Structure formats: structure tokens, C-alpha cells
Amino acid sequence: MLGKEDLPVCPVATTVGLIGNKWKLLIMRNLLTGTQRFGELNKSIPGVSQKVLTENLRSMEADGIVIRTVYPEVPPRVEYKLSELGESMRPILFAMESWGVVYLETMKKDGF
């Protein structure tokens, strides 16, 4: 978690610092569809280890982007969802998706 004194002055740099790694973006992409359990997230993000997924979820929870809910059951059930702050990233993630689609189409059309 970044402390207020650690946040960059530049708003773009702040955003990149909070969600700017591959795993956090993929976690957010998956949580845009709704609440998910750890195992669901782990299976739906190829290449992520449990350790890295846990670290990123904890960081996102500490930064107020993700809400973690633990249910008092045996075995324990833990669910993750985007907070209101995390949900506010929806238009940005959709813009990234749209740009990626156009980029891939352009690359295919141009023979790359």
C-alpha cells in the first residue's frame, strides 16, 4: 500500500502505481464480471502463482480497490469484489480493451 507521502504528484503515475502491473489489471478485468472466489481468480488468470495472486489481492485490498469478504464457514469461504473505487476504473479498463481489439485487428490486417 502506498502512503500519502509515497504517492507521485502526477495523477497518471499514481494510477500506474496502484494498478499498473499485469496481474492487477487482469484481476480487475475478472472482477468486473462480479464477485469471485480465490480459486476462480487463480484458474482464470493463466500463469499467475497463488503467491503472486495473494500478494496482489492484499495490495489491492489495502489500496481500497478490492473488498475481501470472509464467511465463517468450514472450510472458510473468501470472496473478492471490486470496491466502489475499483468499479470507478471500469471505463478505463473498457477503453484499454477497445484499444487492444483495434490494435490486434490492425496488426492482423497489416500482416504482423
PDB file of N, CA and C in Angstrom:
ATOM      1  N   MET A   1       0.842  -1.175   0.000  1.00  0.00           N
ATOM      2  CA  MET A   1       0.000   0.000   0.000  1.00  0.00           C
ATOM      3  C   MET A   1       0.882   1.232   0.000  1.00  0.00           C
ATOM      4  N   LEU A   2       0.497   2.177  -0.822  1.00  0.00           N
ATOM      5  CA  LEU A   2       1.235   3.429  -0.883  1.00  0.00           C
ATOM      6  C   LEU A   2       0.706   4.384   0.174  1.00  0.00           C
ATOM      7  N   GLY A   3       1.606   4.996   0.923  1.00  0.00           N
ATOM      8  CA  GLY A   3       1.206   6.029   1.856  1.00  0.00           C
ATOM      9  C   GLY A   3       1.048   7.334   1.105  1.00  0.00           C
ATOM     10  N   LYS A   4       0.345   8.290   1.699  1.00  0.00           N
ATOM     11  CA  LYS A   4       0.131   9.574   1.024  1.00  0.00           C
ATOM     12  C   LYS A   4       1.448  10.219   0.618  1.00  0.00           C
ATOM     13  N   GLU A   5       2.471  10.064   1.461  1.00  0.00           N
ATOM     14  CA  GLU A   5       3.767  10.664   1.157  1.00  0.00           C
ATOM     15  C   GLU A   5       4.481   9.933   0.017  1.00  0.00           C
ATOM     16  N   ASP A   6       4.045   8.699  -0.296  1.00  0.00           N
ATOM     17  CA  ASP A   6       4.670   7.917  -1.360  1.00  0.00           C
ATOM     18  C   ASP A   6       4.014   8.125  -2.724  1.00  0.00           C
ATOM     19  N   LEU A   7       2.837   8.735  -2.741  1.00  0.00           N
ATOM     20  CA  LEU A   7       2.125   8.912  -3.997  1.00  0.00           C
ATOM     21  C   LEU A   7       2.820   9.954  -4.866  1.00  0.00           C
ATOM     22  N   PRO A   8       2.963   9.651  -6.160  1.00  0.00           N
ATOM     23  CA  PRO A   8       3.571  10.631  -7.059  1.00  0.00           C
ATOM     24  C   PRO A   8       2.664  11.852  -7.221  1.00  0.00           C
ATOM     25  N   VAL A   9       3.255  12.943  -7.626  1.00  0.00           N
ATOM     26  CA  VAL A   9       2.486  14.159  -7.864  1.00  0.00           C
ATOM     27  C   VAL A   9       1.632  13.997  -9.124  1.00  0.00           C
ATOM     28  N   CYS A  10       2.125  13.268 -10.104  1.00  0.00           N
ATOM     29  CA  CYS A  10       1.439  13.065 -11.375  1.00  0.00           C
ATOM     30  C   CYS A  10       0.289  12.067 -11.212  1.00  0.00           C
ATOM     31  N   PRO A  11      -0.934  12.437 -11.573  1.00  0.00           N
ATOM     32  CA  PRO A  11      -2.077  11.527 -11.446  1.00  0.00           C
ATOM     33  C   PRO A  11      -1.930  10.245 -12.261  1.00  0.00           C
ATOM     34  N   VAL A  12      -1.305  10.328 -13.434  1.00  0.00           N
ATOM     35  CA  VAL A  12      -1.100   9.128 -14.247  1.00  0.00           C
ATOM     36  C   VAL A  12      -0.147   8.178 -13.528  1.00  0.00           C
ATOM     37  N   ALA A  13       0.906   8.715 -12.964  1.00  0.00           N
ATOM     38  CA  ALA A  13       1.862   7.897 -12.218  1.00  0.00           C
ATOM     39  C   ALA A  13       1.198   7.269 -10.992  1.00  0.00           C
ATOM     40  N   THR A  14       0.292   7.983 -10.352  1.00  0.00           N
ATOM     41  CA  THR A  14      -0.445   7.436  -9.210  1.00  0.00           C
ATOM     42  C   THR A  14      -1.270   6.239  -9.649  1.00  0.00           C
ATOM     43  N   THR A  15      -1.990   6.385 -10.756  1.00  0.00           N
ATOM     44  CA  THR A  15      -2.820   5.292 -11.266  1.00  0.00           C
ATOM     45  C   THR A  15      -1.956   4.089 -11.620  1.00  0.00           C
ATOM     46  N   VAL A  16      -0.868   4.323 -12.311  1.00  0.00           N
ATOM     47  CA  VAL A  16       0.033   3.229 -12.690  1.00  0.00           C
ATOM     48  C   VAL A  16       0.596   2.558 -11.446  1.00  0.00           C
ATOM     49  N   GLY A  17       0.916   3.323 -10.429  1.00  0.00           N
ATOM     50  CA  GLY A  17       1.435   2.750  -9.194  1.00  0.00           C
ATOM     51  C   GLY A  17       0.431   1.855  -8.489  1.00  0.00           C
ATOM     52  N   LEU A  18      -0.844   2.181  -8.611  1.00  0.00           N
ATOM     53  CA  LEU A  18      -1.885   1.401  -7.930  1.00  0.00           C
ATOM     54  C   LEU A  18      -2.321   0.167  -8.713  1.00  0.00           C
ATOM     55  N   ILE A  19      -2.415   0.270 -10.027  1.00  0.00           N
ATOM     56  CA  ILE A  19      -2.950  -0.856 -10.807  1.00  0.00           C
ATOM     57  C   ILE A  19      -2.089  -1.211 -12.002  1.00  0.00           C
ATOM     58  N   GLY A  20      -0.896  -0.675 -12.063  1.00  0.00           N
ATOM     59  CA  GLY A  20      -0.109  -0.770 -13.280  1.00  0.00           C
ATOM     60  C   GLY A  20       0.717  -2.017 -13.478  1.00  0.00           C
ATOM     61  N   ASN A  21       0.357  -3.112 -12.848  1.00  0.00           N
ATOM     62  CA  ASN A  21       1.068  -4.331 -13.221  1.00  0.00           C
ATOM     63  C   ASN A  21       0.099  -5.291 -13.893  1.00  0.00           C
ATOM     64  N   LYS A  22       0.653  -6.200 -14.628  1.00  0.00           N
ATOM     65  CA  LYS A  22      -0.126  -7.145 -15.424  1.00  0.00           C
ATOM     66  C   LYS A  22      -1.164  -7.875 -14.587  1.00  0.00           C
ATOM     67  N   TRP A  23      -0.775  -8.335 -13.409  1.00  0.00           N
ATOM     68  CA  TRP A  23      -1.675  -9.160 -12.602  1.00  0.00           C
ATOM     69  C   TRP A  23      -2.835  -8.352 -12.051  1.00  0.00           C
ATOM     70  N   LYS A  24      -2.567  -7.151 -11.588  1.00  0.00           N
ATOM     71  CA  LYS A  24      -3.649  -6.326 -11.035  1.00  0.00           C
ATOM     72  C   LYS A  24      -4.676  -5.986 -12.105  1.00  0.00           C
ATOM     73  N   LEU A  25      -4.218  -5.693 -13.297  1.00  0.00           N
ATOM     74  CA  LEU A  25      -5.150  -5.397 -14.379  1.00  0.00           C
ATOM     75  C   LEU A  25      -6.004  -6.610 -14.724  1.00  0.00           C
ATOM     76  N   LEU A  26      -5.399  -7.786 -14.737  1.00  0.00           N
ATOM     77  CA  LEU A  26      -6.160  -8.999 -15.047  1.00  0.00           C
ATOM     78  C   LEU A  26      -7.129  -9.355 -13.915  1.00  0.00           C
ATOM     79  N   ILE A  27      -6.725  -9.120 -12.681  1.00  0.00           N
ATOM     80  CA  ILE A  27      -7.632  -9.333 -11.544  1.00  0.00           C
ATOM     81  C   ILE A  27      -8.833  -8.401 -11.676  1.00  0.00           C
ATOM     82  N   MET A  28      -8.565  -7.142 -11.960  1.00  0.00           N
ATOM     83  CA  MET A  28      -9.662  -6.180 -12.108  1.00  0.00           C
ATOM     84  C   MET A  28     -10.557  -6.560 -13.275  1.00  0.00           C
ATOM     85  N   ARG A  29      -9.969  -6.971 -14.378  1.00  0.00           N
ATOM     86  CA  ARG A  29     -10.758  -7.396 -15.538  1.00  0.00           C
ATOM     87  C   ARG A  29     -11.733  -8.495 -15.137  1.00  0.00           C
ATOM     88  N   ASN A  30     -11.239  -9.470 -14.388  1.00  0.00           N
ATOM     89  CA  ASN A  30     -12.089 -10.589 -13.978  1.00  0.00           C
ATOM     90  C   ASN A  30     -13.147 -10.166 -12.975  1.00  0.00           C
ATOM     91  N   LEU A  31     -12.811  -9.269 -12.072  1.00  0.00           N
ATOM     92  CA  LEU A  31     -13.778  -8.839 -11.063  1.00  0.00           C
ATOM     93  C   LEU A  31     -14.830  -7.884 -11.632  1.00  0.00           C
ATOM     94  N   LEU A  32     -14.603  -7.372 -12.844  1.00  0.00           N
ATOM     95  CA  LEU A  32     -15.628  -6.550 -13.491  1.00  0.00           C
ATOM     96  C   LEU A  32     -16.897  -7.365 -13.748  1.00  0.00           C
ATOM     97  N   THR A  33     -16.757  -8.689 -13.830  1.00  0.00           N
ATOM     98  CA  THR A  33     -17.916  -9.547 -14.072  1.00  0.00           C
ATOM     99  C   THR A  33     -18.665  -9.865 -12.786  1.00  0.00           C
ATOM    100  N   GLY A  34     -18.077  -9.541 -11.642  1.00  0.00           N
ATOM    101  CA  GLY A  34     -18.732  -9.773 -10.365  1.00  0.00           C
ATOM    102  C   GLY A  34     -17.809 -10.431  -9.357  1.00  0.00           C
ATOM    103  N   THR A  35     -18.385 -10.765  -8.225  1.00  0.00           N
ATOM    104  CA  THR A  35     -17.653 -11.361  -7.111  1.00  0.00           C
ATOM    105  C   THR A  35     -17.082 -12.722  -7.515  1.00  0.00           C
ATOM    106  N   GLN A  36     -15.845 -12.979  -7.076  1.00  0.00           N
ATOM    107  CA  GLN A  36     -15.210 -14.265  -7.362  1.00  0.00           C
ATOM    108  C   GLN A  36     -14.441 -14.750  -6.144  1.00  0.00           C
ATOM    109  N   ARG A  37     -14.338 -16.064  -6.051  1.00  0.00           N
ATOM    110  CA  ARG A  37     -13.520 -16.674  -5.010  1.00  0.00           C
ATOM    111  C   ARG A  37     -12.078 -16.767  -5.503  1.00  0.00           C
ATOM    112  N   PHE A  38     -11.168 -16.993  -4.555  1.00  0.00           N
ATOM    113  CA  PHE A  38      -9.743 -17.053  -4.879  1.00  0.00           C
ATOM    114  C   PHE A  38      -9.475 -18.091  -5.964  1.00  0.00           C
ATOM    115  N   GLY A  39     -10.034 -19.282  -5.807  1.00  0.00           N
ATOM    116  CA  GLY A  39      -9.797 -20.360  -6.772  1.00  0.00           C
ATOM    117  C   GLY A  39     -10.271 -20.007  -8.171  1.00  0.00           C
ATOM    118  N   GLU A  40     -11.389 -19.299  -8.249  1.00  0.00           N
ATOM    119  CA  GLU A  40     -11.904 -18.878  -9.557  1.00  0.00           C
ATOM    120  C   GLU A  40     -10.938 -17.900 -10.216  1.00  0.00           C
ATOM    121  N   LEU A  41     -10.458 -16.949  -9.435  1.00  0.00           N
ATOM    122  CA  LEU A  41      -9.490 -15.984  -9.964  1.00  0.00           C
ATOM    123  C   LEU A  41      -8.215 -16.702 -10.397  1.00  0.00           C
ATOM    124  N   ASN A  42      -7.740 -17.607  -9.578  1.00  0.00           N
ATOM    125  CA  ASN A  42      -6.497 -18.318  -9.867  1.00  0.00           C
ATOM    126  C   ASN A  42      -6.603 -19.112 -11.172  1.00  0.00           C
ATOM    127  N   LYS A  43      -7.735 -19.783 -11.376  1.00  0.00           N
ATOM    128  CA  LYS A  43      -7.926 -20.574 -12.594  1.00  0.00           C
ATOM    129  C   LYS A  43      -8.104 -19.709 -13.834  1.00  0.00           C
ATOM    130  N   SER A  44      -8.662 -18.530 -13.668  1.00  0.00           N
ATOM    131  CA  SER A  44      -8.996 -17.698 -14.826  1.00  0.00           C
ATOM    132  C   SER A  44      -7.872 -16.756 -15.250  1.00  0.00           C
ATOM    133  N   ILE A  45      -6.767 -16.774 -14.525  1.00  0.00           N
ATOM    134  CA  ILE A  45      -5.625 -15.923 -14.881  1.00  0.00           C
ATOM    135  C   ILE A  45      -4.417 -16.835 -15.136  1.00  0.00           C
ATOM    136  N   PRO A  46      -4.227 -17.248 -16.382  1.00  0.00           N
ATOM    137  CA  PRO A  46      -3.126 -18.163 -16.699  1.00  0.00           C
ATOM    138  C   PRO A  46      -1.769 -17.583 -16.318  1.00  0.00           C
ATOM    139  N   GLY A  47      -0.951 -18.421 -15.702  1.00  0.00           N
ATOM    140  CA  GLY A  47       0.415 -18.025 -15.390  1.00  0.00           C
ATOM    141  C   GLY A  47       0.621 -17.384 -14.041  1.00  0.00           C
ATOM    142  N   VAL A  48      -0.447 -17.017 -13.341  1.00  0.00           N
ATOM    143  CA  VAL A  48      -0.267 -16.382 -12.031  1.00  0.00           C
ATOM    144  C   VAL A  48      -0.111 -17.481 -10.976  1.00  0.00           C
ATOM    145  N   SER A  49       0.853 -17.303 -10.080  1.00  0.00           N
ATOM    146  CA  SER A  49       1.016 -18.247  -8.977  1.00  0.00           C
ATOM    147  C   SER A  49       0.088 -17.834  -7.836  1.00  0.00           C
ATOM    148  N   GLN A  50      -0.185 -18.770  -6.948  1.00  0.00           N
ATOM    149  CA  GLN A  50      -1.028 -18.451  -5.796  1.00  0.00           C
ATOM    150  C   GLN A  50      -0.401 -17.349  -4.959  1.00  0.00           C
ATOM    151  N   LYS A  51       0.918 -17.400  -4.818  1.00  0.00           N
ATOM    152  CA  LYS A  51       1.631 -16.394  -4.016  1.00  0.00           C
ATOM    153  C   LYS A  51       1.472 -14.995  -4.616  1.00  0.00           C
ATOM    154  N   VAL A  52       1.668 -14.883  -5.910  1.00  0.00           N
ATOM    155  CA  VAL A  52       1.567 -13.582  -6.578  1.00  0.00           C
ATOM    156  C   VAL A  52       0.123 -13.087  -6.557  1.00  0.00           C
ATOM    157  N   LEU A  53      -0.824 -13.983  -6.770  1.00  0.00           N
ATOM    158  CA  LEU A  53      -2.226 -13.590  -6.719  1.00  0.00           C
ATOM    159  C   LEU A  53      -2.582 -13.083  -5.327  1.00  0.00           C
ATOM    160  N   THR A  54      -2.151 -13.796  -4.307  1.00  0.00           N
ATOM    161  CA  THR A  54      -2.407 -13.379  -2.931  1.00  0.00           C
ATOM    162  C   THR A  54      -1.795 -12.008  -2.646  1.00  0.00           C
ATOM    163  N   GLU A  55      -0.547 -11.814  -3.032  1.00  0.00           N
ATOM    164  CA  GLU A  55       0.138 -10.534  -2.800  1.00  0.00           C
ATOM    165  C   GLU A  55      -0.607  -9.381  -3.477  1.00  0.00           C
ATOM    166  N   ASN A  56      -1.024  -9.598  -4.718  1.00  0.00           N
ATOM    167  CA  ASN A  56      -1.709  -8.542  -5.458  1.00  0.00           C
ATOM    168  C   ASN A  56      -3.091  -8.261  -4.883  1.00  0.00           C
ATOM    169  N   LEU A  57      -3.813  -9.298  -4.494  1.00  0.00           N
ATOM    170  CA  LEU A  57      -5.124  -9.085  -3.878  1.00  0.00           C
ATOM    171  C   LEU A  57      -4.990  -8.331  -2.557  1.00  0.00           C
ATOM    172  N   ARG A  58      -3.999  -8.673  -1.759  1.00  0.00           N
ATOM    173  CA  ARG A  58      -3.774  -7.972  -0.485  1.00  0.00           C
ATOM    174  C   ARG A  58      -3.436  -6.506  -0.722  1.00  0.00           C
ATOM    175  N   SER A  59      -2.592  -6.254  -1.710  1.00  0.00           N
ATOM    176  CA  SER A  59      -2.215  -4.882  -2.034  1.00  0.00           C
ATOM    177  C   SER A  59      -3.430  -4.089  -2.516  1.00  0.00           C
ATOM    178  N   MET A  60      -4.234  -4.698  -3.368  1.00  0.00           N
ATOM    179  CA  MET A  60      -5.419  -4.022  -3.893  1.00  0.00           C
ATOM    180  C   MET A  60      -6.453  -3.787  -2.793  1.00  0.00           C
ATOM    181  N   GLU A  61      -6.539  -4.709  -1.852  1.00  0.00           N
ATOM    182  CA  GLU A  61      -7.439  -4.521  -0.705  1.00  0.00           C
ATOM    183  C   GLU A  61      -6.937  -3.357   0.154  1.00  0.00           C
ATOM    184  N   ALA A  62      -5.643  -3.327   0.418  1.00  0.00           N
ATOM    185  CA  ALA A  62      -5.062  -2.252   1.232  1.00  0.00           C
ATOM    186  C   ALA A  62      -5.226  -0.883   0.560  1.00  0.00           C
ATOM    187  N   ASP A  63      -5.222  -0.874  -0.764  1.00  0.00           N
ATOM    188  CA  ASP A  63      -5.371   0.380  -1.509  1.00  0.00           C
ATOM    189  C   ASP A  63      -6.835   0.762  -1.730  1.00  0.00           C
ATOM    190  N   GLY A  64      -7.758  -0.072  -1.245  1.00  0.00           N
ATOM    191  CA  GLY A  64      -9.181   0.247  -1.342  1.00  0.00           C
ATOM    192  C   GLY A  64      -9.818  -0.069  -2.681  1.00  0.00           C
ATOM    193  N   ILE A  65      -9.160  -0.886  -3.503  1.00  0.00           N
ATOM    194  CA  ILE A  65      -9.664  -1.219  -4.833  1.00  0.00           C
ATOM    195  C   ILE A  65     -10.514  -2.483  -4.803  1.00  0.00           C
ATOM    196  N   VAL A  66     -10.170  -3.388  -3.907  1.00  0.00           N
ATOM    197  CA  VAL A  66     -10.860  -4.681  -3.790  1.00  0.00           C
ATOM    198  C   VAL A  66     -11.393  -4.842  -2.374  1.00  0.00           C
ATOM    199  N   ILE A  67     -12.552  -5.470  -2.275  1.00  0.00           N
ATOM    200  CA  ILE A  67     -13.131  -5.815  -0.970  1.00  0.00           C
ATOM    201  C   ILE A  67     -13.044  -7.325  -0.807  1.00  0.00           C
ATOM    202  N   ARG A  68     -12.485  -7.746   0.312  1.00  0.00           N
ATOM    203  CA  ARG A  68     -12.340  -9.163   0.644  1.00  0.00           C
ATOM    204  C   ARG A  68     -13.354  -9.482   1.735  1.00  0.00           C
ATOM    205  N   THR A  69     -14.180 -10.499   1.485  1.00  0.00           N
ATOM    206  CA  THR A  69     -15.175 -10.914   2.466  1.00  0.00           C
ATOM    207  C   THR A  69     -14.905 -12.357   2.856  1.00  0.00           C
ATOM    208  N   VAL A  70     -14.744 -12.592   4.153  1.00  0.00           N
ATOM    209  CA  VAL A  70     -14.520 -13.934   4.682  1.00  0.00           C
ATOM    210  C   VAL A  70     -15.806 -14.388   5.359  1.00  0.00           C
ATOM    211  N   TYR A  71     -16.297 -15.548   4.966  1.00  0.00           N
ATOM    212  CA  TYR A  71     -17.508 -16.098   5.559  1.00  0.00           C
ATOM    213  C   TYR A  71     -17.118 -17.139   6.605  1.00  0.00           C
ATOM    214  N   PRO A  72     -17.739 -17.082   7.789  1.00  0.00           N
ATOM    215  CA  PRO A  72     -17.384 -18.010   8.880  1.00  0.00           C
ATOM    216  C   PRO A  72     -17.985 -19.397   8.644  1.00  0.00           C
ATOM    217  N   GLU A  73     -17.382 -20.108   7.717  1.00  0.00           N
ATOM    218  CA  GLU A  73     -17.820 -21.460   7.367  1.00  0.00           C
ATOM    219  C   GLU A  73     -16.633 -22.393   7.449  1.00  0.00           C
ATOM    220  N   VAL A  74     -16.920 -23.677   7.419  1.00  0.00           N
ATOM    221  CA  VAL A  74     -15.846 -24.669   7.364  1.00  0.00           C
ATOM    222  C   VAL A  74     -16.081 -25.497   6.109  1.00  0.00           C
ATOM    223  N   PRO A  75     -15.165 -25.473   5.145  1.00  0.00           N
ATOM    224  CA  PRO A  75     -13.957 -24.651   5.104  1.00  0.00           C
ATOM    225  C   PRO A  75     -14.316 -23.181   4.870  1.00  0.00           C
ATOM    226  N   PRO A  76     -13.417 -22.274   5.247  1.00  0.00           N
ATOM    227  CA  PRO A  76     -13.705 -20.851   5.083  1.00  0.00           C
ATOM    228  C   PRO A  76     -13.923 -20.496   3.614  1.00  0.00           C
ATOM    229  N   ARG A  77     -14.866 -19.634   3.382  1.00  0.00           N
ATOM    230  CA  ARG A  77     -15.132 -19.138   2.028  1.00  0.00           C
ATOM    231  C   ARG A  77     -14.717 -17.672   1.996  1.00  0.00           C
ATOM    232  N   VAL A  78     -13.887 -17.332   1.030  1.00  0.00           N
ATOM    233  CA  VAL A  78     -13.405 -15.960   0.869  1.00  0.00           C
ATOM    234  C   VAL A  78     -13.780 -15.496  -0.528  1.00  0.00           C
ATOM    235  N   GLU A  79     -14.394 -14.332  -0.598  1.00  0.00           N
ATOM    236  CA  GLU A  79     -14.792 -13.772  -1.885  1.00  0.00           C
ATOM    237  C   GLU A  79     -14.185 -12.383  -2.061  1.00  0.00           C
ATOM    238  N   TYR A  80     -13.938 -12.058  -3.316  1.00  0.00           N
ATOM    239  CA  TYR A  80     -13.360 -10.766  -3.671  1.00  0.00           C
ATOM    240  C   TYR A  80     -14.286 -10.063  -4.659  1.00  0.00           C
ATOM    241  N   LYS A  81     -14.412  -8.748  -4.481  1.00  0.00           N
ATOM    242  CA  LYS A  81     -15.161  -7.940  -5.435  1.00  0.00           C
ATOM    243  C   LYS A  81     -14.523  -6.571  -5.492  1.00  0.00           C
ATOM    244  N   LEU A  82     -14.823  -5.862  -6.559  1.00  0.00           N
ATOM    245  CA  LEU A  82     -14.312  -4.508  -6.676  1.00  0.00           C
ATOM    246  C   LEU A  82     -15.060  -3.600  -5.719  1.00  0.00           C
ATOM    247  N   SER A  83     -14.342  -2.708  -5.086  1.00  0.00           N
ATOM    248  CA  SER A  83     -14.957  -1.678  -4.249  1.00  0.00           C
ATOM    249  C   SER A  83     -15.556  -0.621  -5.173  1.00  0.00           C
ATOM    250  N   GLU A  84     -16.183   0.368  -4.594  1.00  0.00           N
ATOM    251  CA  GLU A  84     -16.704   1.477  -5.396  1.00  0.00           C
ATOM    252  C   GLU A  84     -15.554   2.163  -6.136  1.00  0.00           C
ATOM    253  N   LEU A  85     -14.433   2.304  -5.467  1.00  0.00           N
ATOM    254  CA  LEU A  85     -13.253   2.885  -6.093  1.00  0.00           C
ATOM    255  C   LEU A  85     -12.769   2.013  -7.250  1.00  0.00           C
ATOM    256  N   GLY A  86     -12.731   0.702  -7.031  1.00  0.00           N
ATOM    257  CA  GLY A  86     -12.338  -0.217  -8.096  1.00  0.00           C
ATOM    258  C   GLY A  86     -13.299  -0.165  -9.273  1.00  0.00           C
ATOM    259  N   GLU A  87     -14.593  -0.108  -8.972  1.00  0.00           N
ATOM    260  CA  GLU A  87     -15.611  -0.009 -10.025  1.00  0.00           C
ATOM    261  C   GLU A  87     -15.444   1.266 -10.844  1.00  0.00           C
ATOM    262  N   SER A  88     -14.924   2.309 -10.233  1.00  0.00           N
ATOM    263  CA  SER A  88     -14.744   3.562 -10.964  1.00  0.00           C
ATOM    264  C   SER A  88     -13.697   3.424 -12.079  1.00  0.00           C
ATOM    265  N   MET A  89     -12.926   2.338 -12.053  1.00  0.00           N
ATOM    266  CA  MET A  89     -11.936   2.069 -13.102  1.00  0.00           C
ATOM    267  C   MET A  89     -12.554   1.394 -14.328  1.00  0.00           C
ATOM    268  N   ARG A  90     -13.823   0.999 -14.236  1.00  0.00           N
ATOM    269  CA  ARG A  90     -14.498   0.285 -15.322  1.00  0.00           C
ATOM    270  C   ARG A  90     -14.317   0.978 -16.682  1.00  0.00           C
ATOM    271  N   PRO A  91     -14.601   2.284 -16.815  1.00  0.00           N
ATOM    272  CA  PRO A  91     -14.450   2.913 -18.138  1.00  0.00           C
ATOM    273  C   PRO A  91     -13.010   2.870 -18.660  1.00  0.00           C
ATOM    274  N   ILE A  92     -12.055   2.950 -17.755  1.00  0.00           N
ATOM    275  CA  ILE A  92     -10.649   2.911 -18.170  1.00  0.00           C
ATOM    276  C   ILE A  92     -10.293   1.528 -18.688  1.00  0.00           C
ATOM    277  N   LEU A  93     -10.742   0.492 -17.992  1.00  0.00           N
ATOM    278  CA  LEU A  93     -10.456  -0.876 -18.423  1.00  0.00           C
ATOM    279  C   LEU A  93     -11.163  -1.196 -19.734  1.00  0.00           C
ATOM    280  N   PHE A  94     -12.393  -0.713 -19.910  1.00  0.00           N
ATOM    281  CA  PHE A  94     -13.090  -0.920 -21.172  1.00  0.00           C
ATOM    282  C   PHE A  94     -12.386  -0.182 -22.312  1.00  0.00           C
ATOM    283  N   ALA A  95     -11.867   1.011 -22.033  1.00  0.00           N
ATOM    284  CA  ALA A  95     -11.117   1.748 -23.051  1.00  0.00           C
ATOM    285  C   ALA A  95      -9.851   0.979 -23.441  1.00  0.00           C
ATOM    286  N   MET A  96      -9.187   0.380 -22.458  1.00  0.00           N
ATOM    287  CA  MET A  96      -7.997  -0.430 -22.738  1.00  0.00           C
ATOM    288  C   MET A  96      -8.369  -1.639 -23.587  1.00  0.00           C
ATOM    289  N   GLU A  97      -9.496  -2.270 -23.263  1.00  0.00           N
ATOM    290  CA  GLU A  97      -9.958  -3.423 -24.036  1.00  0.00           C
ATOM    291  C   GLU A  97     -10.252  -3.012 -25.482  1.00  0.00           C
ATOM    292  N   SER A  98     -10.963  -1.910 -25.658  1.00  0.00           N
ATOM    293  CA  SER A  98     -11.303  -1.436 -27.008  1.00  0.00           C
ATOM    294  C   SER A  98     -10.046  -1.125 -27.809  1.00  0.00           C
ATOM    295  N   TRP A  99      -9.095  -0.465 -27.185  1.00  0.00           N
ATOM    296  CA  TRP A  99      -7.848  -0.146 -27.861  1.00  0.00           C
ATOM    297  C   TRP A  99      -7.121  -1.432 -28.260  1.00  0.00           C
ATOM    298  N   GLY A 100      -7.108  -2.421 -27.352  1.00  0.00           N
ATOM    299  CA  GLY A 100      -6.451  -3.694 -27.636  1.00  0.00           C
ATOM    300  C   GLY A 100      -7.084  -4.424 -28.806  1.00  0.00           C
ATOM    301  N   VAL A 101      -8.406  -4.382 -28.904  1.00  0.00           N
ATOM    302  CA  VAL A 101      -9.111  -5.023 -30.022  1.00  0.00           C
ATOM    303  C   VAL A 101      -8.706  -4.362 -31.338  1.00  0.00           C
ATOM    304  N   VAL A 102      -8.712  -3.032 -31.373  1.00  0.00           N
ATOM    305  CA  VAL A 102      -8.332  -2.301 -32.588  1.00  0.00           C
ATOM    306  C   VAL A 102      -6.884  -2.600 -32.947  1.00  0.00           C
ATOM    307  N   TYR A 103      -6.015  -2.615 -31.958  1.00  0.00           N
ATOM    308  CA  TYR A 103      -4.600  -2.899 -32.203  1.00  0.00           C
ATOM    309  C   TYR A 103      -4.420  -4.284 -32.815  1.00  0.00           C
ATOM    310  N   LEU A 104      -5.073  -5.287 -32.232  1.00  0.00           N
ATOM    311  CA  LEU A 104      -4.936  -6.656 -32.753  1.00  0.00           C
ATOM    312  C   LEU A 104      -5.472  -6.772 -34.171  1.00  0.00           C
ATOM    313  N   GLU A 105      -6.593  -6.124 -34.434  1.00  0.00           N
ATOM    314  CA  GLU A 105      -7.166  -6.146 -35.795  1.00  0.00           C
ATOM    315  C   GLU A 105      -6.228  -5.474 -36.786  1.00  0.00           C
ATOM    316  N   THR A 106      -5.635  -4.354 -36.382  1.00  0.00           N
ATOM    317  CA  THR A 106      -4.703  -3.645 -37.249  1.00  0.00           C
ATOM    318  C   THR A 106      -3.479  -4.494 -37.537  1.00  0.00           C
ATOM    319  N   MET A 107      -2.962  -5.148 -36.526  1.00  0.00           N
ATOM    320  CA  MET A 107      -1.769  -5.979 -36.703  1.00  0.00           C
ATOM    321  C   MET A 107      -2.066  -7.151 -37.639  1.00  0.00           C
ATOM    322  N   LYS A 108      -3.240  -7.761 -37.494  1.00  0.00           N
ATOM    323  CA  LYS A 108      -3.613  -8.872 -38.377  1.00  0.00           C
ATOM    324  C   LYS A 108      -3.772  -8.389 -39.820  1.00  0.00           C
ATOM    325  N   LYS A 109      -4.450  -7.255 -39.969  1.00  0.00           N
ATOM    326  CA  LYS A 109      -4.698  -6.689 -41.296  1.00  0.00           C
ATOM    327  C   LYS A 109      -3.390  -6.323 -41.978  1.00  0.00           C
ATOM    328  N   ASP A 110      -2.444  -5.802 -41.213  1.00  0.00           N
ATOM    329  CA  ASP A 110      -1.172  -5.352 -41.773  1.00  0.00           C
ATOM    330  C   ASP A 110      -0.139  -6.482 -41.853  1.00  0.00           C
ATOM    331  N   GLY A 111      -0.546  -7.693 -41.481  1.00  0.00           N
ATOM    332  CA  GLY A 111       0.327  -8.854 -41.634  1.00  0.00           C
ATOM    333  C   GLY A 111       1.393  -9.025 -40.567  1.00  0.00           C
ATOM    334  N   PHE A 112       1.217  -8.423 -39.426  1.00  0.00           N
ATOM    335  CA  PHE A 112       2.219  -8.571 -38.353  1.00  0.00           C
ATOM    336  C   PHE A 112       1.908  -9.757 -37.502  1.00  0.00           C
TER     337      PHE A 112
END
